């Protein structure tokens, strides 16, 4: 005949299961965090490579990278007195290009991609700087 476990034994057994589950959750969260860090690192490397290619300069010196960051984050005013940053403006241009590309793709049903070339980067900057009041 099977012996019944006392309530204390059942509690101990459930506590042990609880600890095992908590340890497993901790392991899974650590794995998730590691994966997210790897994905972020990859994105940062890719964006850095795109920026270097776009401006045509290898940013080897810390001062160069700091100057670029300063340029991208410096607050400016447009002709209407509205604040903007170069980084924010570039993001808006990228978003606009992507939306236009998606709209064109939907219209023609042929895939189109934005090609990040230095010429394209500079032409966007030059055409919009003509319209910007610094």
C-alpha atoms as a PDB file:
ATOM      1  CA  UNK A   1       0.000   0.000   0.000  1.00  0.00           C
ATOM      2  CA  UNK A   2       1.282   3.454  -0.928  1.00  0.00           C
ATOM      3  CA  UNK A   3       2.037   5.753   1.928  1.00  0.00           C
ATOM      4  CA  UNK A   4       0.654   9.203   1.817  1.00  0.00           C
ATOM      5  CA  UNK A   5       3.030  12.116   2.100  1.00  0.00           C
ATOM      6  CA  UNK A   6       2.512  14.427   4.977  1.00  0.00           C
ATOM      7  CA  UNK A   7       1.563  18.005   4.269  1.00  0.00           C
ATOM      8  CA  UNK A   8       5.068  19.115   5.270  1.00  0.00           C
ATOM      9  CA  UNK A   9       6.620  16.715   2.750  1.00  0.00           C
ATOM     10  CA  UNK A  10       4.284  17.980   0.045  1.00  0.00           C
ATOM     11  CA  UNK A  11       5.220  21.556   0.881  1.00  0.00           C
ATOM     12  CA  UNK A  12       8.938  20.692   0.726  1.00  0.00           C
ATOM     13  CA  UNK A  13       8.445  18.965  -2.611  1.00  0.00           C
ATOM     14  CA  UNK A  14       6.571  21.951  -4.045  1.00  0.00           C
ATOM     15  CA  UNK A  15       9.202  24.371  -2.690  1.00  0.00           C
ATOM     16  CA  UNK A  16      11.906  22.321  -4.419  1.00  0.00           C
ATOM     17  CA  UNK A  17       9.950  22.440  -7.696  1.00  0.00           C
ATOM     18  CA  UNK A  18       9.480  26.181  -7.222  1.00  0.00           C
ATOM     19  CA  UNK A  19      13.241  26.695  -6.785  1.00  0.00           C
ATOM     20  CA  UNK A  20      13.933  24.592  -9.869  1.00  0.00           C
ATOM     21  CA  UNK A  21      11.445  26.642 -11.894  1.00  0.00           C
ATOM     22  CA  UNK A  22      12.936  29.911 -10.614  1.00  0.00           C
ATOM     23  CA  UNK A  23      16.423  28.703 -11.573  1.00  0.00           C
ATOM     24  CA  UNK A  24      15.173  27.738 -15.042  1.00  0.00           C
ATOM     25  CA  UNK A  25      13.497  31.131 -15.480  1.00  0.00           C
ATOM     26  CA  UNK A  26      16.735  32.825 -14.446  1.00  0.00           C
ATOM     27  CA  UNK A  27      18.667  30.775 -17.038  1.00  0.00           C
ATOM     28  CA  UNK A  28      16.169  31.636 -19.774  1.00  0.00           C
ATOM     29  CA  UNK A  29      16.260  35.347 -18.934  1.00  0.00           C
ATOM     30  CA  UNK A  30      20.077  35.271 -19.020  1.00  0.00           C
ATOM     31  CA  UNK A  31      19.982  33.583 -22.424  1.00  0.00           C
ATOM     32  CA  UNK A  32      17.450  36.121 -23.691  1.00  0.00           C
ATOM     33  CA  UNK A  33      19.581  38.998 -22.404  1.00  0.00           C
ATOM     34  CA  UNK A  34      22.707  37.573 -24.065  1.00  0.00           C
ATOM     35  CA  UNK A  35      20.859  37.198 -27.369  1.00  0.00           C
ATOM     36  CA  UNK A  36      19.577  40.787 -27.180  1.00  0.00           C
ATOM     37  CA  UNK A  37      23.114  42.072 -26.445  1.00  0.00           C
ATOM     38  CA  UNK A  38      24.493  40.160 -29.444  1.00  0.00           C
ATOM     39  CA  UNK A  39      21.752  41.528 -31.704  1.00  0.00           C
ATOM     40  CA  UNK A  40      22.393  45.093 -30.487  1.00  0.00           C
ATOM     41  CA  UNK A  41      26.141  44.712 -30.968  1.00  0.00           C
ATOM     42  CA  UNK A  42      25.572  43.475 -34.501  1.00  0.00           C
ATOM     43  CA  UNK A  43      23.274  46.424 -35.273  1.00  0.00           C
ATOM     44  CA  UNK A  44      25.803  48.888 -33.872  1.00  0.00           C
ATOM     45  CA  UNK A  45      28.579  47.408 -35.999  1.00  0.00           C
ATOM     46  CA  UNK A  46      26.398  47.481 -39.117  1.00  0.00           C
ATOM     47  CA  UNK A  47      25.303  51.076 -38.520  1.00  0.00           C
ATOM     48  CA  UNK A  48      28.900  52.122 -37.866  1.00  0.00           C
ATOM     49  CA  UNK A  49      29.981  50.535 -41.130  1.00  0.00           C
ATOM     50  CA  UNK A  50      27.169  52.276 -43.006  1.00  0.00           C
ATOM     51  CA  UNK A  51      28.091  55.633 -41.486  1.00  0.00           C
ATOM     52  CA  UNK A  52      31.775  55.210 -42.351  1.00  0.00           C
ATOM     53  CA  UNK A  53      30.888  54.212 -45.907  1.00  0.00           C
ATOM     54  CA  UNK A  54      28.379  57.049 -46.208  1.00  0.00           C
ATOM     55  CA  UNK A  55      30.802  59.751 -45.134  1.00  0.00           C
ATOM     56  CA  UNK A  56      33.749  58.125 -46.850  1.00  0.00           C
ATOM     57  CA  UNK A  57      36.041  58.277 -43.821  1.00  0.00           C
ATOM     58  CA  UNK A  58      37.223  55.632 -41.370  1.00  0.00           C
ATOM     59  CA  UNK A  59      36.571  57.044 -37.926  1.00  0.00           C
ATOM     60  CA  UNK A  60      39.624  55.537 -36.240  1.00  0.00           C
ATOM     61  CA  UNK A  61      40.236  58.299 -33.727  1.00  0.00           C
ATOM     62  CA  UNK A  62      38.033  58.804 -30.696  1.00  0.00           C
ATOM     63  CA  UNK A  63      37.941  62.548 -31.408  1.00  0.00           C
ATOM     64  CA  UNK A  64      36.476  61.879 -34.858  1.00  0.00           C
ATOM     65  CA  UNK A  65      33.701  59.738 -33.409  1.00  0.00           C
ATOM     66  CA  UNK A  66      32.989  62.346 -30.735  1.00  0.00           C
ATOM     67  CA  UNK A  67      32.861  65.084 -33.394  1.00  0.00           C
ATOM     68  CA  UNK A  68      30.373  63.022 -35.416  1.00  0.00           C
ATOM     69  CA  UNK A  69      28.229  62.443 -32.322  1.00  0.00           C
ATOM     70  CA  UNK A  70      28.340  66.161 -31.555  1.00  0.00           C
ATOM     71  CA  UNK A  71      27.319  66.969 -35.126  1.00  0.00           C
ATOM     72  CA  UNK A  72      24.408  64.518 -35.003  1.00  0.00           C
ATOM     73  CA  UNK A  73      23.116  65.656 -31.599  1.00  0.00           C
ATOM     74  CA  UNK A  74      23.717  69.423 -31.769  1.00  0.00           C
ATOM     75  CA  UNK A  75      20.471  71.355 -31.459  1.00  0.00           C
ATOM     76  CA  UNK A  76      19.744  73.678 -34.368  1.00  0.00           C
ATOM     77  CA  UNK A  77      16.845  75.872 -35.435  1.00  0.00           C
ATOM     78  CA  UNK A  78      15.125  75.828 -38.806  1.00  0.00           C
ATOM     79  CA  UNK A  79      13.760  78.913 -40.580  1.00  0.00           C
ATOM     80  CA  UNK A  80      10.588  78.725 -38.516  1.00  0.00           C
ATOM     81  CA  UNK A  81      12.485  78.602 -35.235  1.00  0.00           C
ATOM     82  CA  UNK A  82      11.769  74.908 -34.610  1.00  0.00           C
ATOM     83  CA  UNK A  83      14.477  72.857 -32.914  1.00  0.00           C
ATOM     84  CA  UNK A  84      16.007  69.894 -34.714  1.00  0.00           C
ATOM     85  CA  UNK A  85      19.171  67.821 -34.665  1.00  0.00           C
ATOM     86  CA  UNK A  86      21.063  66.591 -37.694  1.00  0.00           C
ATOM     87  CA  UNK A  87      20.604  63.013 -36.455  1.00  0.00           C
ATOM     88  CA  UNK A  88      16.865  63.519 -36.094  1.00  0.00           C
ATOM     89  CA  UNK A  89      16.677  65.114 -39.518  1.00  0.00           C
ATOM     90  CA  UNK A  90      18.616  62.206 -41.069  1.00  0.00           C
ATOM     91  CA  UNK A  91      16.266  59.725 -39.399  1.00  0.00           C
ATOM     92  CA  UNK A  92      13.240  61.547 -40.814  1.00  0.00           C
ATOM     93  CA  UNK A  93      14.816  61.497 -44.283  1.00  0.00           C
ATOM     94  CA  UNK A  94      15.512  57.774 -44.007  1.00  0.00           C
ATOM     95  CA  UNK A  95      11.961  57.102 -42.850  1.00  0.00           C
ATOM     96  CA  UNK A  96      10.593  59.197 -45.722  1.00  0.00           C
ATOM     97  CA  UNK A  97      12.774  57.336 -48.258  1.00  0.00           C
ATOM     98  CA  UNK A  98      11.644  53.973 -46.888  1.00  0.00           C
ATOM     99  CA  UNK A  99       7.966  54.970 -47.013  1.00  0.00           C
ATOM    100  CA  UNK A 100       8.349  56.221 -50.586  1.00  0.00           C
ATOM    101  CA  UNK A 101      10.143  53.018 -51.535  1.00  0.00           C
ATOM    102  CA  UNK A 102       7.376  50.909 -49.978  1.00  0.00           C
ATOM    103  CA  UNK A 103       4.709  52.952 -51.766  1.00  0.00           C
ATOM    104  CA  UNK A 104       6.520  52.567 -55.088  1.00  0.00           C
ATOM    105  CA  UNK A 105       6.869  48.840 -54.459  1.00  0.00           C
ATOM    106  CA  UNK A 106       3.147  48.535 -53.781  1.00  0.00           C
ATOM    107  CA  UNK A 107       2.342  50.546 -56.930  1.00  0.00           C
ATOM    108  CA  UNK A 108       4.536  48.550 -59.291  1.00  0.00           C
ATOM    109  CA  UNK A 109       4.657  45.220 -57.447  1.00  0.00           C
ATOM    110  CA  UNK A 110       8.390  45.114 -58.172  1.00  0.00           C
ATOM    111  CA  UNK A 111      10.811  45.114 -55.275  1.00  0.00           C
ATOM    112  CA  UNK A 112      12.836  48.289 -54.878  1.00  0.00           C
ATOM    113  CA  UNK A 113      15.524  48.864 -52.325  1.00  0.00           C
ATOM    114  CA  UNK A 114      17.194  51.987 -51.068  1.00  0.00           C
ATOM    115  CA  UNK A 115      20.839  51.748 -51.983  1.00  0.00           C
ATOM    116  CA  UNK A 116      23.019  53.412 -49.333  1.00  0.00           C
ATOM    117  CA  UNK A 117      25.704  55.021 -51.479  1.00  0.00           C
ATOM    118  CA  UNK A 118      27.883  57.979 -50.547  1.00  0.00           C
ATOM    119  CA  UNK A 119      26.563  59.834 -53.607  1.00  0.00           C
ATOM    120  CA  UNK A 120      22.980  59.278 -52.483  1.00  0.00           C
ATOM    121  CA  UNK A 121      23.824  60.324 -48.946  1.00  0.00           C
ATOM    122  CA  UNK A 122      25.471  63.548 -50.064  1.00  0.00           C
ATOM    123  CA  UNK A 123      22.797  64.343 -52.631  1.00  0.00           C
ATOM    124  CA  UNK A 124      20.108  64.037 -49.960  1.00  0.00           C
ATOM    125  CA  UNK A 125      22.141  66.251 -47.631  1.00  0.00           C
ATOM    126  CA  UNK A 126      22.864  68.836 -50.317  1.00  0.00           C
ATOM    127  CA  UNK A 127      19.320  68.997 -51.684  1.00  0.00           C
ATOM    128  CA  UNK A 128      17.811  69.399 -48.229  1.00  0.00           C
ATOM    129  CA  UNK A 129      20.464  71.792 -46.940  1.00  0.00           C
ATOM    130  CA  UNK A 130      19.421  74.156 -49.736  1.00  0.00           C
ATOM    131  CA  UNK A 131      15.964  74.154 -48.151  1.00  0.00           C
ATOM    132  CA  UNK A 132      17.110  74.329 -44.494  1.00  0.00           C
ATOM    133  CA  UNK A 133      17.847  77.531 -42.685  1.00  0.00           C
ATOM    134  CA  UNK A 134      20.631  77.019 -40.140  1.00  0.00           C
END
